[in-house]
Amino acid sequence: MSKIGKKNIIVPKDSSIKIEGSNLTISGPKGSKTLTINDKIFSSKLKENEFQILPLNKKIDTKTSIMWGTYRSLINNAITGVSTGHEKILELNGVGFRANIKGEVLNLQIGFSHDVNFKIPKNIKIIVEKQTTIKISGVDKDMVSKIAADIKNLKPVEPYKAKGIKEKGQFVLRKEGKKK
């Protein structure tokens, strides 16, 4: 039995789920998202404001148990995304490190001899609050996390002075420098 899969998903009042065979259409104030569930293995139930996914077979093997928890997490992330949205906050640390938005492009000055331009996807919203703080938000958790990871990979945090791009609250293990 999957511990995560057993839990019911609470659907907020402003969001709705439409079940059409193996497709789930989840819509809310931030947007809508469509998910596909393997209907040969799982069935889904919707009662008032609670959604539940259940395996069809009474005997549950390990693979089914793993997929049960995975599908439940994907549906929960989609419901959270369309109702409140997902966001990641990145911080730039370093002398002269700056970020600003120029139209559909995020312009980064991160210690190279040239500016780095990052094209912003259509369904992701990027806001530069300060020159050193980037806020990435959107409906799809996977997409928000992927964009944050791509931006972090442009200038990873180095361990000596902790210069680079990191997530807010990320711990950087610092190394001691060279001794005489």
N, C-alpha and C. Protein backbone atom coordinates (compact mmCIF):
# COMPACT_ATOMS: atom_id res chain seq x y z
N MET A 1 0.84 -1.20 0.00
CA MET A 1 0.00 0.00 0.00
C MET A 1 0.88 1.25 0.00
N SER A 2 0.48 2.20 -0.78
CA SER A 2 1.21 3.45 -0.86
C SER A 2 0.69 4.42 0.20
N LYS A 3 1.61 4.93 1.04
CA LYS A 3 1.20 5.88 2.07
C LYS A 3 0.69 7.17 1.45
N ILE A 4 1.38 7.63 0.40
CA ILE A 4 0.99 8.89 -0.25
C ILE A 4 -0.28 8.68 -1.08
N GLY A 5 -0.35 7.56 -1.79
CA GLY A 5 -1.50 7.30 -2.66
C GLY A 5 -2.82 7.20 -1.92
N LYS A 6 -2.80 6.72 -0.67
CA LYS A 6 -4.03 6.57 0.12
C LYS A 6 -4.69 7.89 0.49
N LYS A 7 -3.88 8.95 0.61
CA LYS A 7 -4.41 10.25 1.06
C LYS A 7 -5.34 10.85 0.02
N ASN A 8 -6.42 11.45 0.51
CA ASN A 8 -7.35 12.15 -0.37
C ASN A 8 -6.76 13.51 -0.74
N ILE A 9 -7.11 13.99 -1.93
CA ILE A 9 -6.67 15.30 -2.37
C ILE A 9 -7.83 16.26 -2.17
N ILE A 10 -7.60 17.33 -1.43
CA ILE A 10 -8.65 18.32 -1.20
C ILE A 10 -8.63 19.34 -2.33
N VAL A 11 -9.77 19.49 -2.98
CA VAL A 11 -9.90 20.42 -4.11
C VAL A 11 -10.45 21.74 -3.58
N PRO A 12 -9.74 22.87 -3.79
CA PRO A 12 -10.27 24.16 -3.33
C PRO A 12 -11.58 24.52 -4.04
N LYS A 13 -12.35 25.43 -3.42
CA LYS A 13 -13.66 25.79 -3.97
C LYS A 13 -13.58 26.46 -5.34
N ASP A 14 -12.49 27.20 -5.58
CA ASP A 14 -12.37 27.92 -6.86
C ASP A 14 -11.79 27.05 -7.98
N SER A 15 -11.44 25.79 -7.68
CA SER A 15 -10.89 24.88 -8.69
C SER A 15 -11.87 23.75 -8.96
N SER A 16 -11.72 23.13 -10.15
CA SER A 16 -12.60 22.01 -10.49
C SER A 16 -11.83 20.95 -11.26
N ILE A 17 -12.31 19.70 -11.16
CA ILE A 17 -11.72 18.56 -11.87
C ILE A 17 -12.78 17.93 -12.74
N LYS A 18 -12.43 17.72 -14.01
CA LYS A 18 -13.34 17.05 -14.94
C LYS A 18 -12.68 15.74 -15.37
N ILE A 19 -13.38 14.61 -15.18
CA ILE A 19 -12.85 13.30 -15.52
C ILE A 19 -13.48 12.84 -16.83
N GLU A 20 -12.62 12.59 -17.84
CA GLU A 20 -13.09 12.10 -19.14
C GLU A 20 -12.26 10.89 -19.52
N GLY A 21 -12.70 9.70 -19.09
CA GLY A 21 -11.95 8.48 -19.37
C GLY A 21 -10.64 8.47 -18.61
N SER A 22 -9.52 8.48 -19.35
CA SER A 22 -8.21 8.48 -18.70
C SER A 22 -7.64 9.89 -18.55
N ASN A 23 -8.35 10.91 -19.05
CA ASN A 23 -7.86 12.29 -18.97
C ASN A 23 -8.52 13.03 -17.81
N LEU A 24 -7.70 13.80 -17.09
CA LEU A 24 -8.19 14.67 -16.03
C LEU A 24 -7.92 16.10 -16.46
N THR A 25 -8.94 16.94 -16.47
CA THR A 25 -8.76 18.35 -16.77
C THR A 25 -8.99 19.12 -15.48
N ILE A 26 -7.94 19.77 -15.00
CA ILE A 26 -7.99 20.51 -13.74
C ILE A 26 -7.94 21.99 -14.09
N SER A 27 -8.94 22.74 -13.64
CA SER A 27 -8.97 24.17 -13.95
C SER A 27 -9.18 24.98 -12.67
N GLY A 28 -8.63 26.17 -12.67
CA GLY A 28 -8.72 27.05 -11.51
C GLY A 28 -8.48 28.49 -11.94
N PRO A 29 -8.32 29.40 -10.98
CA PRO A 29 -8.16 30.82 -11.30
C PRO A 29 -6.84 31.14 -12.03
N LYS A 30 -5.79 30.35 -11.83
CA LYS A 30 -4.49 30.61 -12.47
C LYS A 30 -4.39 30.01 -13.87
N GLY A 31 -5.25 29.05 -14.21
CA GLY A 31 -5.20 28.41 -15.52
C GLY A 31 -5.76 27.01 -15.46
N SER A 32 -5.42 26.21 -16.47
CA SER A 32 -5.88 24.82 -16.48
C SER A 32 -4.75 23.91 -16.92
N LYS A 33 -4.88 22.63 -16.54
CA LYS A 33 -3.86 21.64 -16.86
C LYS A 33 -4.54 20.30 -17.10
N THR A 34 -4.04 19.55 -18.07
CA THR A 34 -4.59 18.25 -18.40
C THR A 34 -3.57 17.16 -18.07
N LEU A 35 -4.02 16.13 -17.36
CA LEU A 35 -3.18 14.99 -17.00
C LEU A 35 -3.80 13.72 -17.55
N THR A 36 -2.96 12.74 -17.88
CA THR A 36 -3.44 11.44 -18.34
C THR A 36 -3.08 10.39 -17.30
N ILE A 37 -4.08 9.60 -16.91
CA ILE A 37 -3.89 8.54 -15.92
C ILE A 37 -4.11 7.20 -16.61
N ASN A 38 -3.32 6.20 -16.25
CA ASN A 38 -3.47 4.86 -16.81
C ASN A 38 -4.76 4.25 -16.24
N ASP A 39 -5.84 4.26 -17.05
CA ASP A 39 -7.14 3.78 -16.56
C ASP A 39 -7.25 2.26 -16.53
N LYS A 40 -6.22 1.54 -17.00
CA LYS A 40 -6.21 0.08 -16.89
C LYS A 40 -5.76 -0.36 -15.50
N ILE A 41 -5.06 0.54 -14.79
CA ILE A 41 -4.56 0.21 -13.46
C ILE A 41 -5.32 0.97 -12.37
N PHE A 42 -5.69 2.24 -12.65
CA PHE A 42 -6.28 3.10 -11.62
C PHE A 42 -7.67 3.61 -12.00
N SER A 43 -8.48 3.86 -10.97
CA SER A 43 -9.77 4.52 -11.15
C SER A 43 -9.77 5.77 -10.28
N SER A 44 -10.57 6.74 -10.65
CA SER A 44 -10.59 7.99 -9.88
C SER A 44 -12.00 8.30 -9.43
N LYS A 45 -12.11 8.87 -8.22
CA LYS A 45 -13.40 9.23 -7.64
C LYS A 45 -13.37 10.70 -7.24
N LEU A 46 -14.47 11.38 -7.45
CA LEU A 46 -14.59 12.78 -7.05
C LEU A 46 -15.84 12.93 -6.20
N LYS A 47 -15.67 13.28 -4.92
CA LYS A 47 -16.79 13.51 -4.01
C LYS A 47 -16.70 14.94 -3.50
N GLU A 48 -17.67 15.77 -3.83
CA GLU A 48 -17.74 17.17 -3.40
C GLU A 48 -16.40 17.88 -3.56
N ASN A 49 -15.63 18.03 -2.49
CA ASN A 49 -14.36 18.74 -2.61
C ASN A 49 -13.16 17.82 -2.37
N GLU A 50 -13.35 16.51 -2.48
CA GLU A 50 -12.26 15.56 -2.29
C GLU A 50 -12.11 14.67 -3.52
N PHE A 51 -10.86 14.48 -3.94
CA PHE A 51 -10.55 13.64 -5.09
C PHE A 51 -9.70 12.47 -4.61
N GLN A 52 -9.95 11.28 -5.15
CA GLN A 52 -9.22 10.10 -4.72
C GLN A 52 -8.88 9.24 -5.93
N ILE A 53 -7.68 8.69 -5.94
CA ILE A 53 -7.26 7.75 -6.99
C ILE A 53 -7.04 6.40 -6.33
N LEU A 54 -7.61 5.34 -6.92
CA LEU A 54 -7.55 4.01 -6.34
C LEU A 54 -7.11 2.98 -7.38
N PRO A 55 -6.33 1.97 -6.99
CA PRO A 55 -5.98 0.89 -7.92
C PRO A 55 -7.19 -0.03 -8.15
N LEU A 56 -7.29 -0.58 -9.36
CA LEU A 56 -8.42 -1.46 -9.69
C LEU A 56 -8.27 -2.84 -9.04
N ASN A 57 -7.06 -3.38 -9.00
CA ASN A 57 -6.83 -4.71 -8.39
C ASN A 57 -6.76 -4.61 -6.88
N LYS A 58 -7.24 -5.66 -6.22
CA LYS A 58 -7.16 -5.71 -4.75
C LYS A 58 -5.73 -6.02 -4.31
N LYS A 59 -5.02 -6.89 -5.10
CA LYS A 59 -3.63 -7.20 -4.80
C LYS A 59 -2.76 -6.11 -5.42
N ILE A 60 -2.02 -5.43 -4.57
CA ILE A 60 -1.19 -4.32 -5.04
C ILE A 60 0.27 -4.74 -4.99
N ASP A 61 0.93 -4.78 -6.17
CA ASP A 61 2.36 -5.08 -6.19
C ASP A 61 3.15 -3.78 -6.01
N THR A 62 4.46 -3.89 -5.90
CA THR A 62 5.29 -2.71 -5.60
C THR A 62 5.24 -1.67 -6.71
N LYS A 63 5.22 -2.12 -7.96
CA LYS A 63 5.20 -1.17 -9.09
C LYS A 63 3.90 -0.35 -9.08
N THR A 64 2.79 -1.02 -8.83
CA THR A 64 1.50 -0.32 -8.76
C THR A 64 1.48 0.65 -7.59
N SER A 65 2.04 0.24 -6.46
CA SER A 65 2.10 1.09 -5.28
C SER A 65 2.92 2.36 -5.56
N ILE A 66 4.05 2.19 -6.25
CA ILE A 66 4.90 3.34 -6.60
C ILE A 66 4.16 4.29 -7.53
N MET A 67 3.50 3.73 -8.55
CA MET A 67 2.78 4.56 -9.52
C MET A 67 1.57 5.25 -8.88
N TRP A 68 0.94 4.60 -7.91
CA TRP A 68 -0.20 5.17 -7.19
C TRP A 68 0.23 6.46 -6.49
N GLY A 69 1.33 6.41 -5.74
CA GLY A 69 1.84 7.60 -5.07
C GLY A 69 2.28 8.68 -6.04
N THR A 70 2.87 8.27 -7.16
CA THR A 70 3.33 9.23 -8.16
C THR A 70 2.16 9.97 -8.79
N TYR A 71 1.13 9.24 -9.21
CA TYR A 71 -0.05 9.87 -9.82
C TYR A 71 -0.74 10.82 -8.84
N ARG A 72 -0.83 10.38 -7.58
CA ARG A 72 -1.45 11.24 -6.56
C ARG A 72 -0.68 12.53 -6.40
N SER A 73 0.66 12.46 -6.38
CA SER A 73 1.49 13.66 -6.25
C SER A 73 1.36 14.56 -7.47
N LEU A 74 1.32 13.98 -8.67
CA LEU A 74 1.16 14.78 -9.89
C LEU A 74 -0.18 15.53 -9.91
N ILE A 75 -1.24 14.84 -9.49
CA ILE A 75 -2.57 15.47 -9.45
C ILE A 75 -2.60 16.57 -8.40
N ASN A 76 -2.02 16.31 -7.22
CA ASN A 76 -1.97 17.31 -6.16
C ASN A 76 -1.18 18.55 -6.60
N ASN A 77 -0.03 18.34 -7.28
CA ASN A 77 0.76 19.46 -7.78
C ASN A 77 -0.01 20.27 -8.83
N ALA A 78 -0.78 19.58 -9.67
CA ALA A 78 -1.58 20.28 -10.68
C ALA A 78 -2.67 21.12 -10.03
N ILE A 79 -3.34 20.57 -9.00
CA ILE A 79 -4.39 21.31 -8.30
C ILE A 79 -3.80 22.53 -7.59
N THR A 80 -2.66 22.36 -6.94
CA THR A 80 -1.98 23.49 -6.29
C THR A 80 -1.58 24.54 -7.31
N GLY A 81 -1.10 24.10 -8.46
CA GLY A 81 -0.66 25.02 -9.51
C GLY A 81 -1.78 25.88 -10.07
N VAL A 82 -2.95 25.27 -10.35
CA VAL A 82 -4.05 26.04 -10.94
C VAL A 82 -4.78 26.88 -9.90
N SER A 83 -4.65 26.54 -8.61
CA SER A 83 -5.34 27.34 -7.59
C SER A 83 -4.45 28.44 -7.02
N THR A 84 -3.23 28.12 -6.60
CA THR A 84 -2.34 29.15 -6.02
C THR A 84 -1.09 29.42 -6.85
N GLY A 85 -0.67 28.45 -7.64
CA GLY A 85 0.54 28.61 -8.46
C GLY A 85 1.78 28.15 -7.71
N HIS A 86 2.82 27.87 -8.47
CA HIS A 86 4.11 27.46 -7.91
C HIS A 86 5.10 28.59 -8.15
N GLU A 87 6.04 28.77 -7.20
CA GLU A 87 7.06 29.80 -7.41
C GLU A 87 8.39 29.40 -6.80
N LYS A 88 9.45 29.88 -7.42
CA LYS A 88 10.82 29.69 -6.92
C LYS A 88 11.47 31.06 -6.92
N ILE A 89 12.29 31.31 -5.90
CA ILE A 89 13.00 32.58 -5.79
C ILE A 89 14.50 32.30 -5.88
N LEU A 90 15.17 32.96 -6.82
CA LEU A 90 16.60 32.81 -7.00
C LEU A 90 17.31 34.07 -6.54
N GLU A 91 18.50 33.91 -5.99
CA GLU A 91 19.31 35.03 -5.53
C GLU A 91 20.64 35.03 -6.27
N LEU A 92 21.11 36.22 -6.66
CA LEU A 92 22.41 36.38 -7.29
C LEU A 92 23.38 36.92 -6.26
N ASN A 93 24.48 36.22 -6.04
CA ASN A 93 25.50 36.66 -5.09
C ASN A 93 26.81 36.88 -5.83
N GLY A 94 27.35 38.08 -5.71
CA GLY A 94 28.63 38.39 -6.34
C GLY A 94 28.69 39.87 -6.65
N VAL A 95 29.91 40.38 -6.76
CA VAL A 95 30.10 41.80 -7.06
C VAL A 95 29.70 42.05 -8.51
N GLY A 96 28.77 42.98 -8.71
CA GLY A 96 28.32 43.34 -10.05
C GLY A 96 27.31 42.40 -10.67
N PHE A 97 26.83 41.42 -9.92
CA PHE A 97 25.83 40.49 -10.44
C PHE A 97 24.47 41.18 -10.45
N ARG A 98 23.82 41.22 -11.62
CA ARG A 98 22.54 41.90 -11.77
C ARG A 98 21.63 41.14 -12.73
N ALA A 99 20.35 41.34 -12.56
CA ALA A 99 19.36 40.77 -13.47
C ALA A 99 18.33 41.83 -13.81
N ASN A 100 17.88 41.87 -15.06
CA ASN A 100 16.77 42.73 -15.46
C ASN A 100 16.07 42.10 -16.66
N ILE A 101 14.81 42.47 -16.83
CA ILE A 101 14.00 41.90 -17.91
C ILE A 101 13.92 42.91 -19.04
N LYS A 102 14.20 42.42 -20.26
CA LYS A 102 14.09 43.24 -21.46
C LYS A 102 13.13 42.52 -22.41
N GLY A 103 11.85 42.86 -22.31
CA GLY A 103 10.83 42.22 -23.14
C GLY A 103 10.61 40.77 -22.75
N GLU A 104 10.88 39.85 -23.67
CA GLU A 104 10.70 38.41 -23.43
C GLU A 104 12.01 37.74 -23.02
N VAL A 105 13.01 38.54 -22.64
CA VAL A 105 14.33 38.01 -22.33
C VAL A 105 14.77 38.46 -20.94
N LEU A 106 15.32 37.52 -20.16
CA LEU A 106 15.93 37.84 -18.86
C LEU A 106 17.41 38.09 -19.12
N ASN A 107 17.85 39.32 -18.86
CA ASN A 107 19.24 39.72 -19.08
C ASN A 107 20.00 39.59 -17.77
N LEU A 108 21.08 38.80 -17.76
CA LEU A 108 21.86 38.55 -16.56
C LEU A 108 23.29 39.03 -16.75
N GLN A 109 23.79 39.78 -15.78
CA GLN A 109 25.20 40.15 -15.74
C GLN A 109 25.78 39.38 -14.56
N ILE A 110 26.50 38.29 -14.87
CA ILE A 110 26.92 37.36 -13.83
C ILE A 110 28.42 37.08 -13.86
N GLY A 111 29.20 38.13 -14.09
CA GLY A 111 30.65 38.00 -13.99
C GLY A 111 31.36 37.57 -15.25
N PHE A 112 30.66 37.44 -16.36
CA PHE A 112 31.31 37.13 -17.62
C PHE A 112 31.62 38.43 -18.35
N SER A 113 32.38 38.35 -19.43
CA SER A 113 32.71 39.55 -20.19
C SER A 113 31.52 40.01 -21.04
N HIS A 114 30.49 39.20 -21.11
CA HIS A 114 29.29 39.52 -21.89
C HIS A 114 28.05 39.29 -21.03
N ASP A 115 26.94 39.90 -21.43
CA ASP A 115 25.67 39.65 -20.75
C ASP A 115 25.11 38.31 -21.21
N VAL A 116 24.44 37.61 -20.31
CA VAL A 116 23.80 36.34 -20.64
C VAL A 116 22.31 36.60 -20.78
N ASN A 117 21.73 36.22 -21.93
CA ASN A 117 20.30 36.40 -22.16
C ASN A 117 19.61 35.05 -22.06
N PHE A 118 18.51 35.01 -21.28
CA PHE A 118 17.74 33.79 -21.09
C PHE A 118 16.32 34.05 -21.58
N LYS A 119 15.88 33.29 -22.61
CA LYS A 119 14.54 33.47 -23.18
C LYS A 119 13.49 32.91 -22.22
N ILE A 120 12.48 33.72 -21.91
CA ILE A 120 11.42 33.33 -20.98
C ILE A 120 10.32 32.58 -21.75
N PRO A 121 9.97 31.35 -21.32
CA PRO A 121 8.86 30.63 -21.96
C PRO A 121 7.53 31.35 -21.74
N LYS A 122 6.53 31.07 -22.61
CA LYS A 122 5.26 31.79 -22.58
C LYS A 122 4.44 31.53 -21.33
N ASN A 123 4.44 30.29 -20.81
CA ASN A 123 3.58 29.97 -19.67
C ASN A 123 4.27 30.17 -18.32
N ILE A 124 5.45 30.77 -18.31
CA ILE A 124 6.19 31.07 -17.08
C ILE A 124 6.31 32.58 -16.93
N LYS A 125 6.12 33.05 -15.69
CA LYS A 125 6.23 34.48 -15.41
C LYS A 125 7.48 34.71 -14.55
N ILE A 126 8.36 35.59 -15.02
CA ILE A 126 9.57 35.91 -14.28
C ILE A 126 9.54 37.39 -13.91
N ILE A 127 9.77 37.66 -12.62
CA ILE A 127 9.78 39.03 -12.11
C ILE A 127 11.13 39.25 -11.44
N VAL A 128 11.77 40.38 -11.73
CA VAL A 128 13.00 40.76 -11.05
C VAL A 128 12.61 41.78 -10.00
N GLU A 129 12.57 41.34 -8.71
CA GLU A 129 12.12 42.22 -7.63
C GLU A 129 13.20 43.26 -7.31
N LYS A 130 14.39 42.79 -6.99
CA LYS A 130 15.54 43.66 -6.83
C LYS A 130 16.46 43.29 -7.99
N GLN A 131 17.60 43.91 -8.09
CA GLN A 131 18.52 43.52 -9.16
C GLN A 131 19.15 42.17 -8.89
N THR A 132 19.08 41.71 -7.65
CA THR A 132 19.71 40.43 -7.30
C THR A 132 18.70 39.35 -6.91
N THR A 133 17.42 39.58 -7.11
CA THR A 133 16.40 38.60 -6.76
C THR A 133 15.49 38.34 -7.96
N ILE A 134 15.37 37.07 -8.34
CA ILE A 134 14.53 36.68 -9.47
C ILE A 134 13.42 35.78 -8.95
N LYS A 135 12.16 36.11 -9.29
CA LYS A 135 11.01 35.32 -8.85
C LYS A 135 10.41 34.64 -10.09
N ILE A 136 10.37 33.30 -10.07
CA ILE A 136 9.84 32.51 -11.17
C ILE A 136 8.53 31.89 -10.71
N SER A 137 7.45 32.11 -11.47
CA SER A 137 6.16 31.54 -11.06
C SER A 137 5.41 31.01 -12.28
N GLY A 138 4.51 30.04 -12.02
CA GLY A 138 3.73 29.45 -13.08
C GLY A 138 2.79 28.38 -12.54
N VAL A 139 2.02 27.78 -13.44
CA VAL A 139 1.03 26.77 -13.08
C VAL A 139 1.69 25.39 -12.96
N ASP A 140 2.64 25.09 -13.84
CA ASP A 140 3.26 23.77 -13.91
C ASP A 140 4.51 23.72 -13.04
N LYS A 141 4.49 22.87 -12.01
CA LYS A 141 5.62 22.77 -11.07
C LYS A 141 6.89 22.29 -11.78
N ASP A 142 6.74 21.32 -12.69
CA ASP A 142 7.90 20.80 -13.41
C ASP A 142 8.58 21.90 -14.22
N MET A 143 7.78 22.70 -14.90
CA MET A 143 8.32 23.76 -15.76
C MET A 143 9.01 24.85 -14.92
N VAL A 144 8.39 25.24 -13.80
CA VAL A 144 8.97 26.26 -12.92
C VAL A 144 10.31 25.76 -12.38
N SER A 145 10.36 24.51 -11.94
CA SER A 145 11.60 23.94 -11.40
C SER A 145 12.67 23.81 -12.47
N LYS A 146 12.27 23.45 -13.70
CA LYS A 146 13.23 23.30 -14.80
C LYS A 146 13.84 24.64 -15.17
N ILE A 147 13.02 25.69 -15.25
CA ILE A 147 13.51 27.02 -15.59
C ILE A 147 14.45 27.52 -14.49
N ALA A 148 14.09 27.30 -13.23
CA ALA A 148 14.96 27.69 -12.11
C ALA A 148 16.30 26.95 -12.18
N ALA A 149 16.27 25.67 -12.50
CA ALA A 149 17.50 24.89 -12.61
C ALA A 149 18.36 25.36 -13.78
N ASP A 150 17.72 25.70 -14.90
CA ASP A 150 18.46 26.19 -16.07
C ASP A 150 19.15 27.51 -15.77
N ILE A 151 18.45 28.41 -15.05
CA ILE A 151 19.04 29.71 -14.70
C ILE A 151 20.18 29.50 -13.69
N LYS A 152 19.99 28.59 -12.72
CA LYS A 152 21.04 28.31 -11.74
C LYS A 152 22.28 27.72 -12.40
N ASN A 153 22.11 26.94 -13.46
CA ASN A 153 23.23 26.32 -14.15
C ASN A 153 24.04 27.30 -14.98
N LEU A 154 23.51 28.50 -15.23
CA LEU A 154 24.28 29.51 -15.96
C LEU A 154 25.51 29.94 -15.16
N LYS A 155 25.38 30.03 -13.85
CA LYS A 155 26.50 30.38 -12.96
C LYS A 155 26.29 29.66 -11.63
N PRO A 156 26.73 28.40 -11.52
CA PRO A 156 26.56 27.67 -10.25
C PRO A 156 27.36 28.33 -9.12
N VAL A 157 26.91 28.13 -7.90
CA VAL A 157 27.56 28.73 -6.74
C VAL A 157 28.89 28.03 -6.51
N GLU A 158 29.97 28.82 -6.39
CA GLU A 158 31.28 28.23 -6.12
C GLU A 158 31.51 28.19 -4.61
N PRO A 159 32.28 27.22 -4.11
CA PRO A 159 32.34 26.98 -2.67
C PRO A 159 33.24 27.92 -1.87
N TYR A 160 34.07 28.76 -2.51
CA TYR A 160 35.02 29.58 -1.76
C TYR A 160 34.43 30.91 -1.31
N LYS A 161 33.78 31.64 -2.22
CA LYS A 161 33.18 32.92 -1.83
C LYS A 161 31.66 32.90 -1.98
N ALA A 162 31.10 31.77 -2.36
CA ALA A 162 29.66 31.58 -2.56
C ALA A 162 29.10 32.52 -3.61
N LYS A 163 29.88 32.80 -4.66
CA LYS A 163 29.40 33.62 -5.78
C LYS A 163 28.63 32.74 -6.73
N GLY A 164 27.56 33.27 -7.28
CA GLY A 164 26.77 32.54 -8.25
C GLY A 164 25.28 32.72 -8.02
N ILE A 165 24.50 31.88 -8.69
CA ILE A 165 23.03 31.95 -8.59
C ILE A 165 22.58 30.76 -7.74
N LYS A 166 21.79 31.05 -6.69
CA LYS A 166 21.28 29.98 -5.83
C LYS A 166 19.81 30.24 -5.50
N GLU A 167 19.14 29.19 -5.04
CA GLU A 167 17.76 29.33 -4.59
C GLU A 167 17.74 29.98 -3.23
N LYS A 168 16.65 30.67 -2.93
CA LYS A 168 16.52 31.29 -1.61
C LYS A 168 16.46 30.18 -0.56
N GLY A 169 17.31 30.29 0.46
CA GLY A 169 17.35 29.30 1.52
C GLY A 169 18.27 28.13 1.24
N GLN A 170 18.90 28.08 0.07
CA GLN A 170 19.81 26.99 -0.26
C GLN A 170 21.10 27.14 0.54
N PHE A 171 21.56 26.06 1.15
CA PHE A 171 22.78 26.08 1.93
C PHE A 171 23.97 25.79 1.03
N VAL A 172 25.01 26.63 1.13
CA VAL A 172 26.22 26.43 0.35
C VAL A 172 27.34 26.02 1.30
N LEU A 173 27.90 24.84 1.08
CA LEU A 173 29.00 24.36 1.90
C LEU A 173 30.26 25.10 1.48
N ARG A 174 30.80 25.91 2.39
CA ARG A 174 31.96 26.74 2.07
C ARG A 174 33.25 25.99 2.37
N LYS A 175 34.26 26.25 1.54
CA LYS A 175 35.58 25.65 1.73
C LYS A 175 36.53 26.72 2.23
N GLU A 176 37.52 26.29 2.98
CA GLU A 176 38.54 27.21 3.45
C GLU A 176 39.54 27.44 2.32
N GLY A 177 40.00 28.67 2.18
CA GLY A 177 40.93 29.00 1.11
C GLY A 177 42.35 28.51 1.38
N LYS A 178 43.24 28.89 0.49
CA LYS A 178 44.64 28.49 0.57
C LYS A 178 45.32 29.14 1.76
N LYS A 179 46.15 28.39 2.48
CA LYS A 179 46.87 28.92 3.65
C LYS A 179 48.34 29.12 3.29
N LYS A 180 49.00 30.04 3.99
CA LYS A 180 50.43 30.26 3.76
C LYS A 180 51.27 29.37 4.62
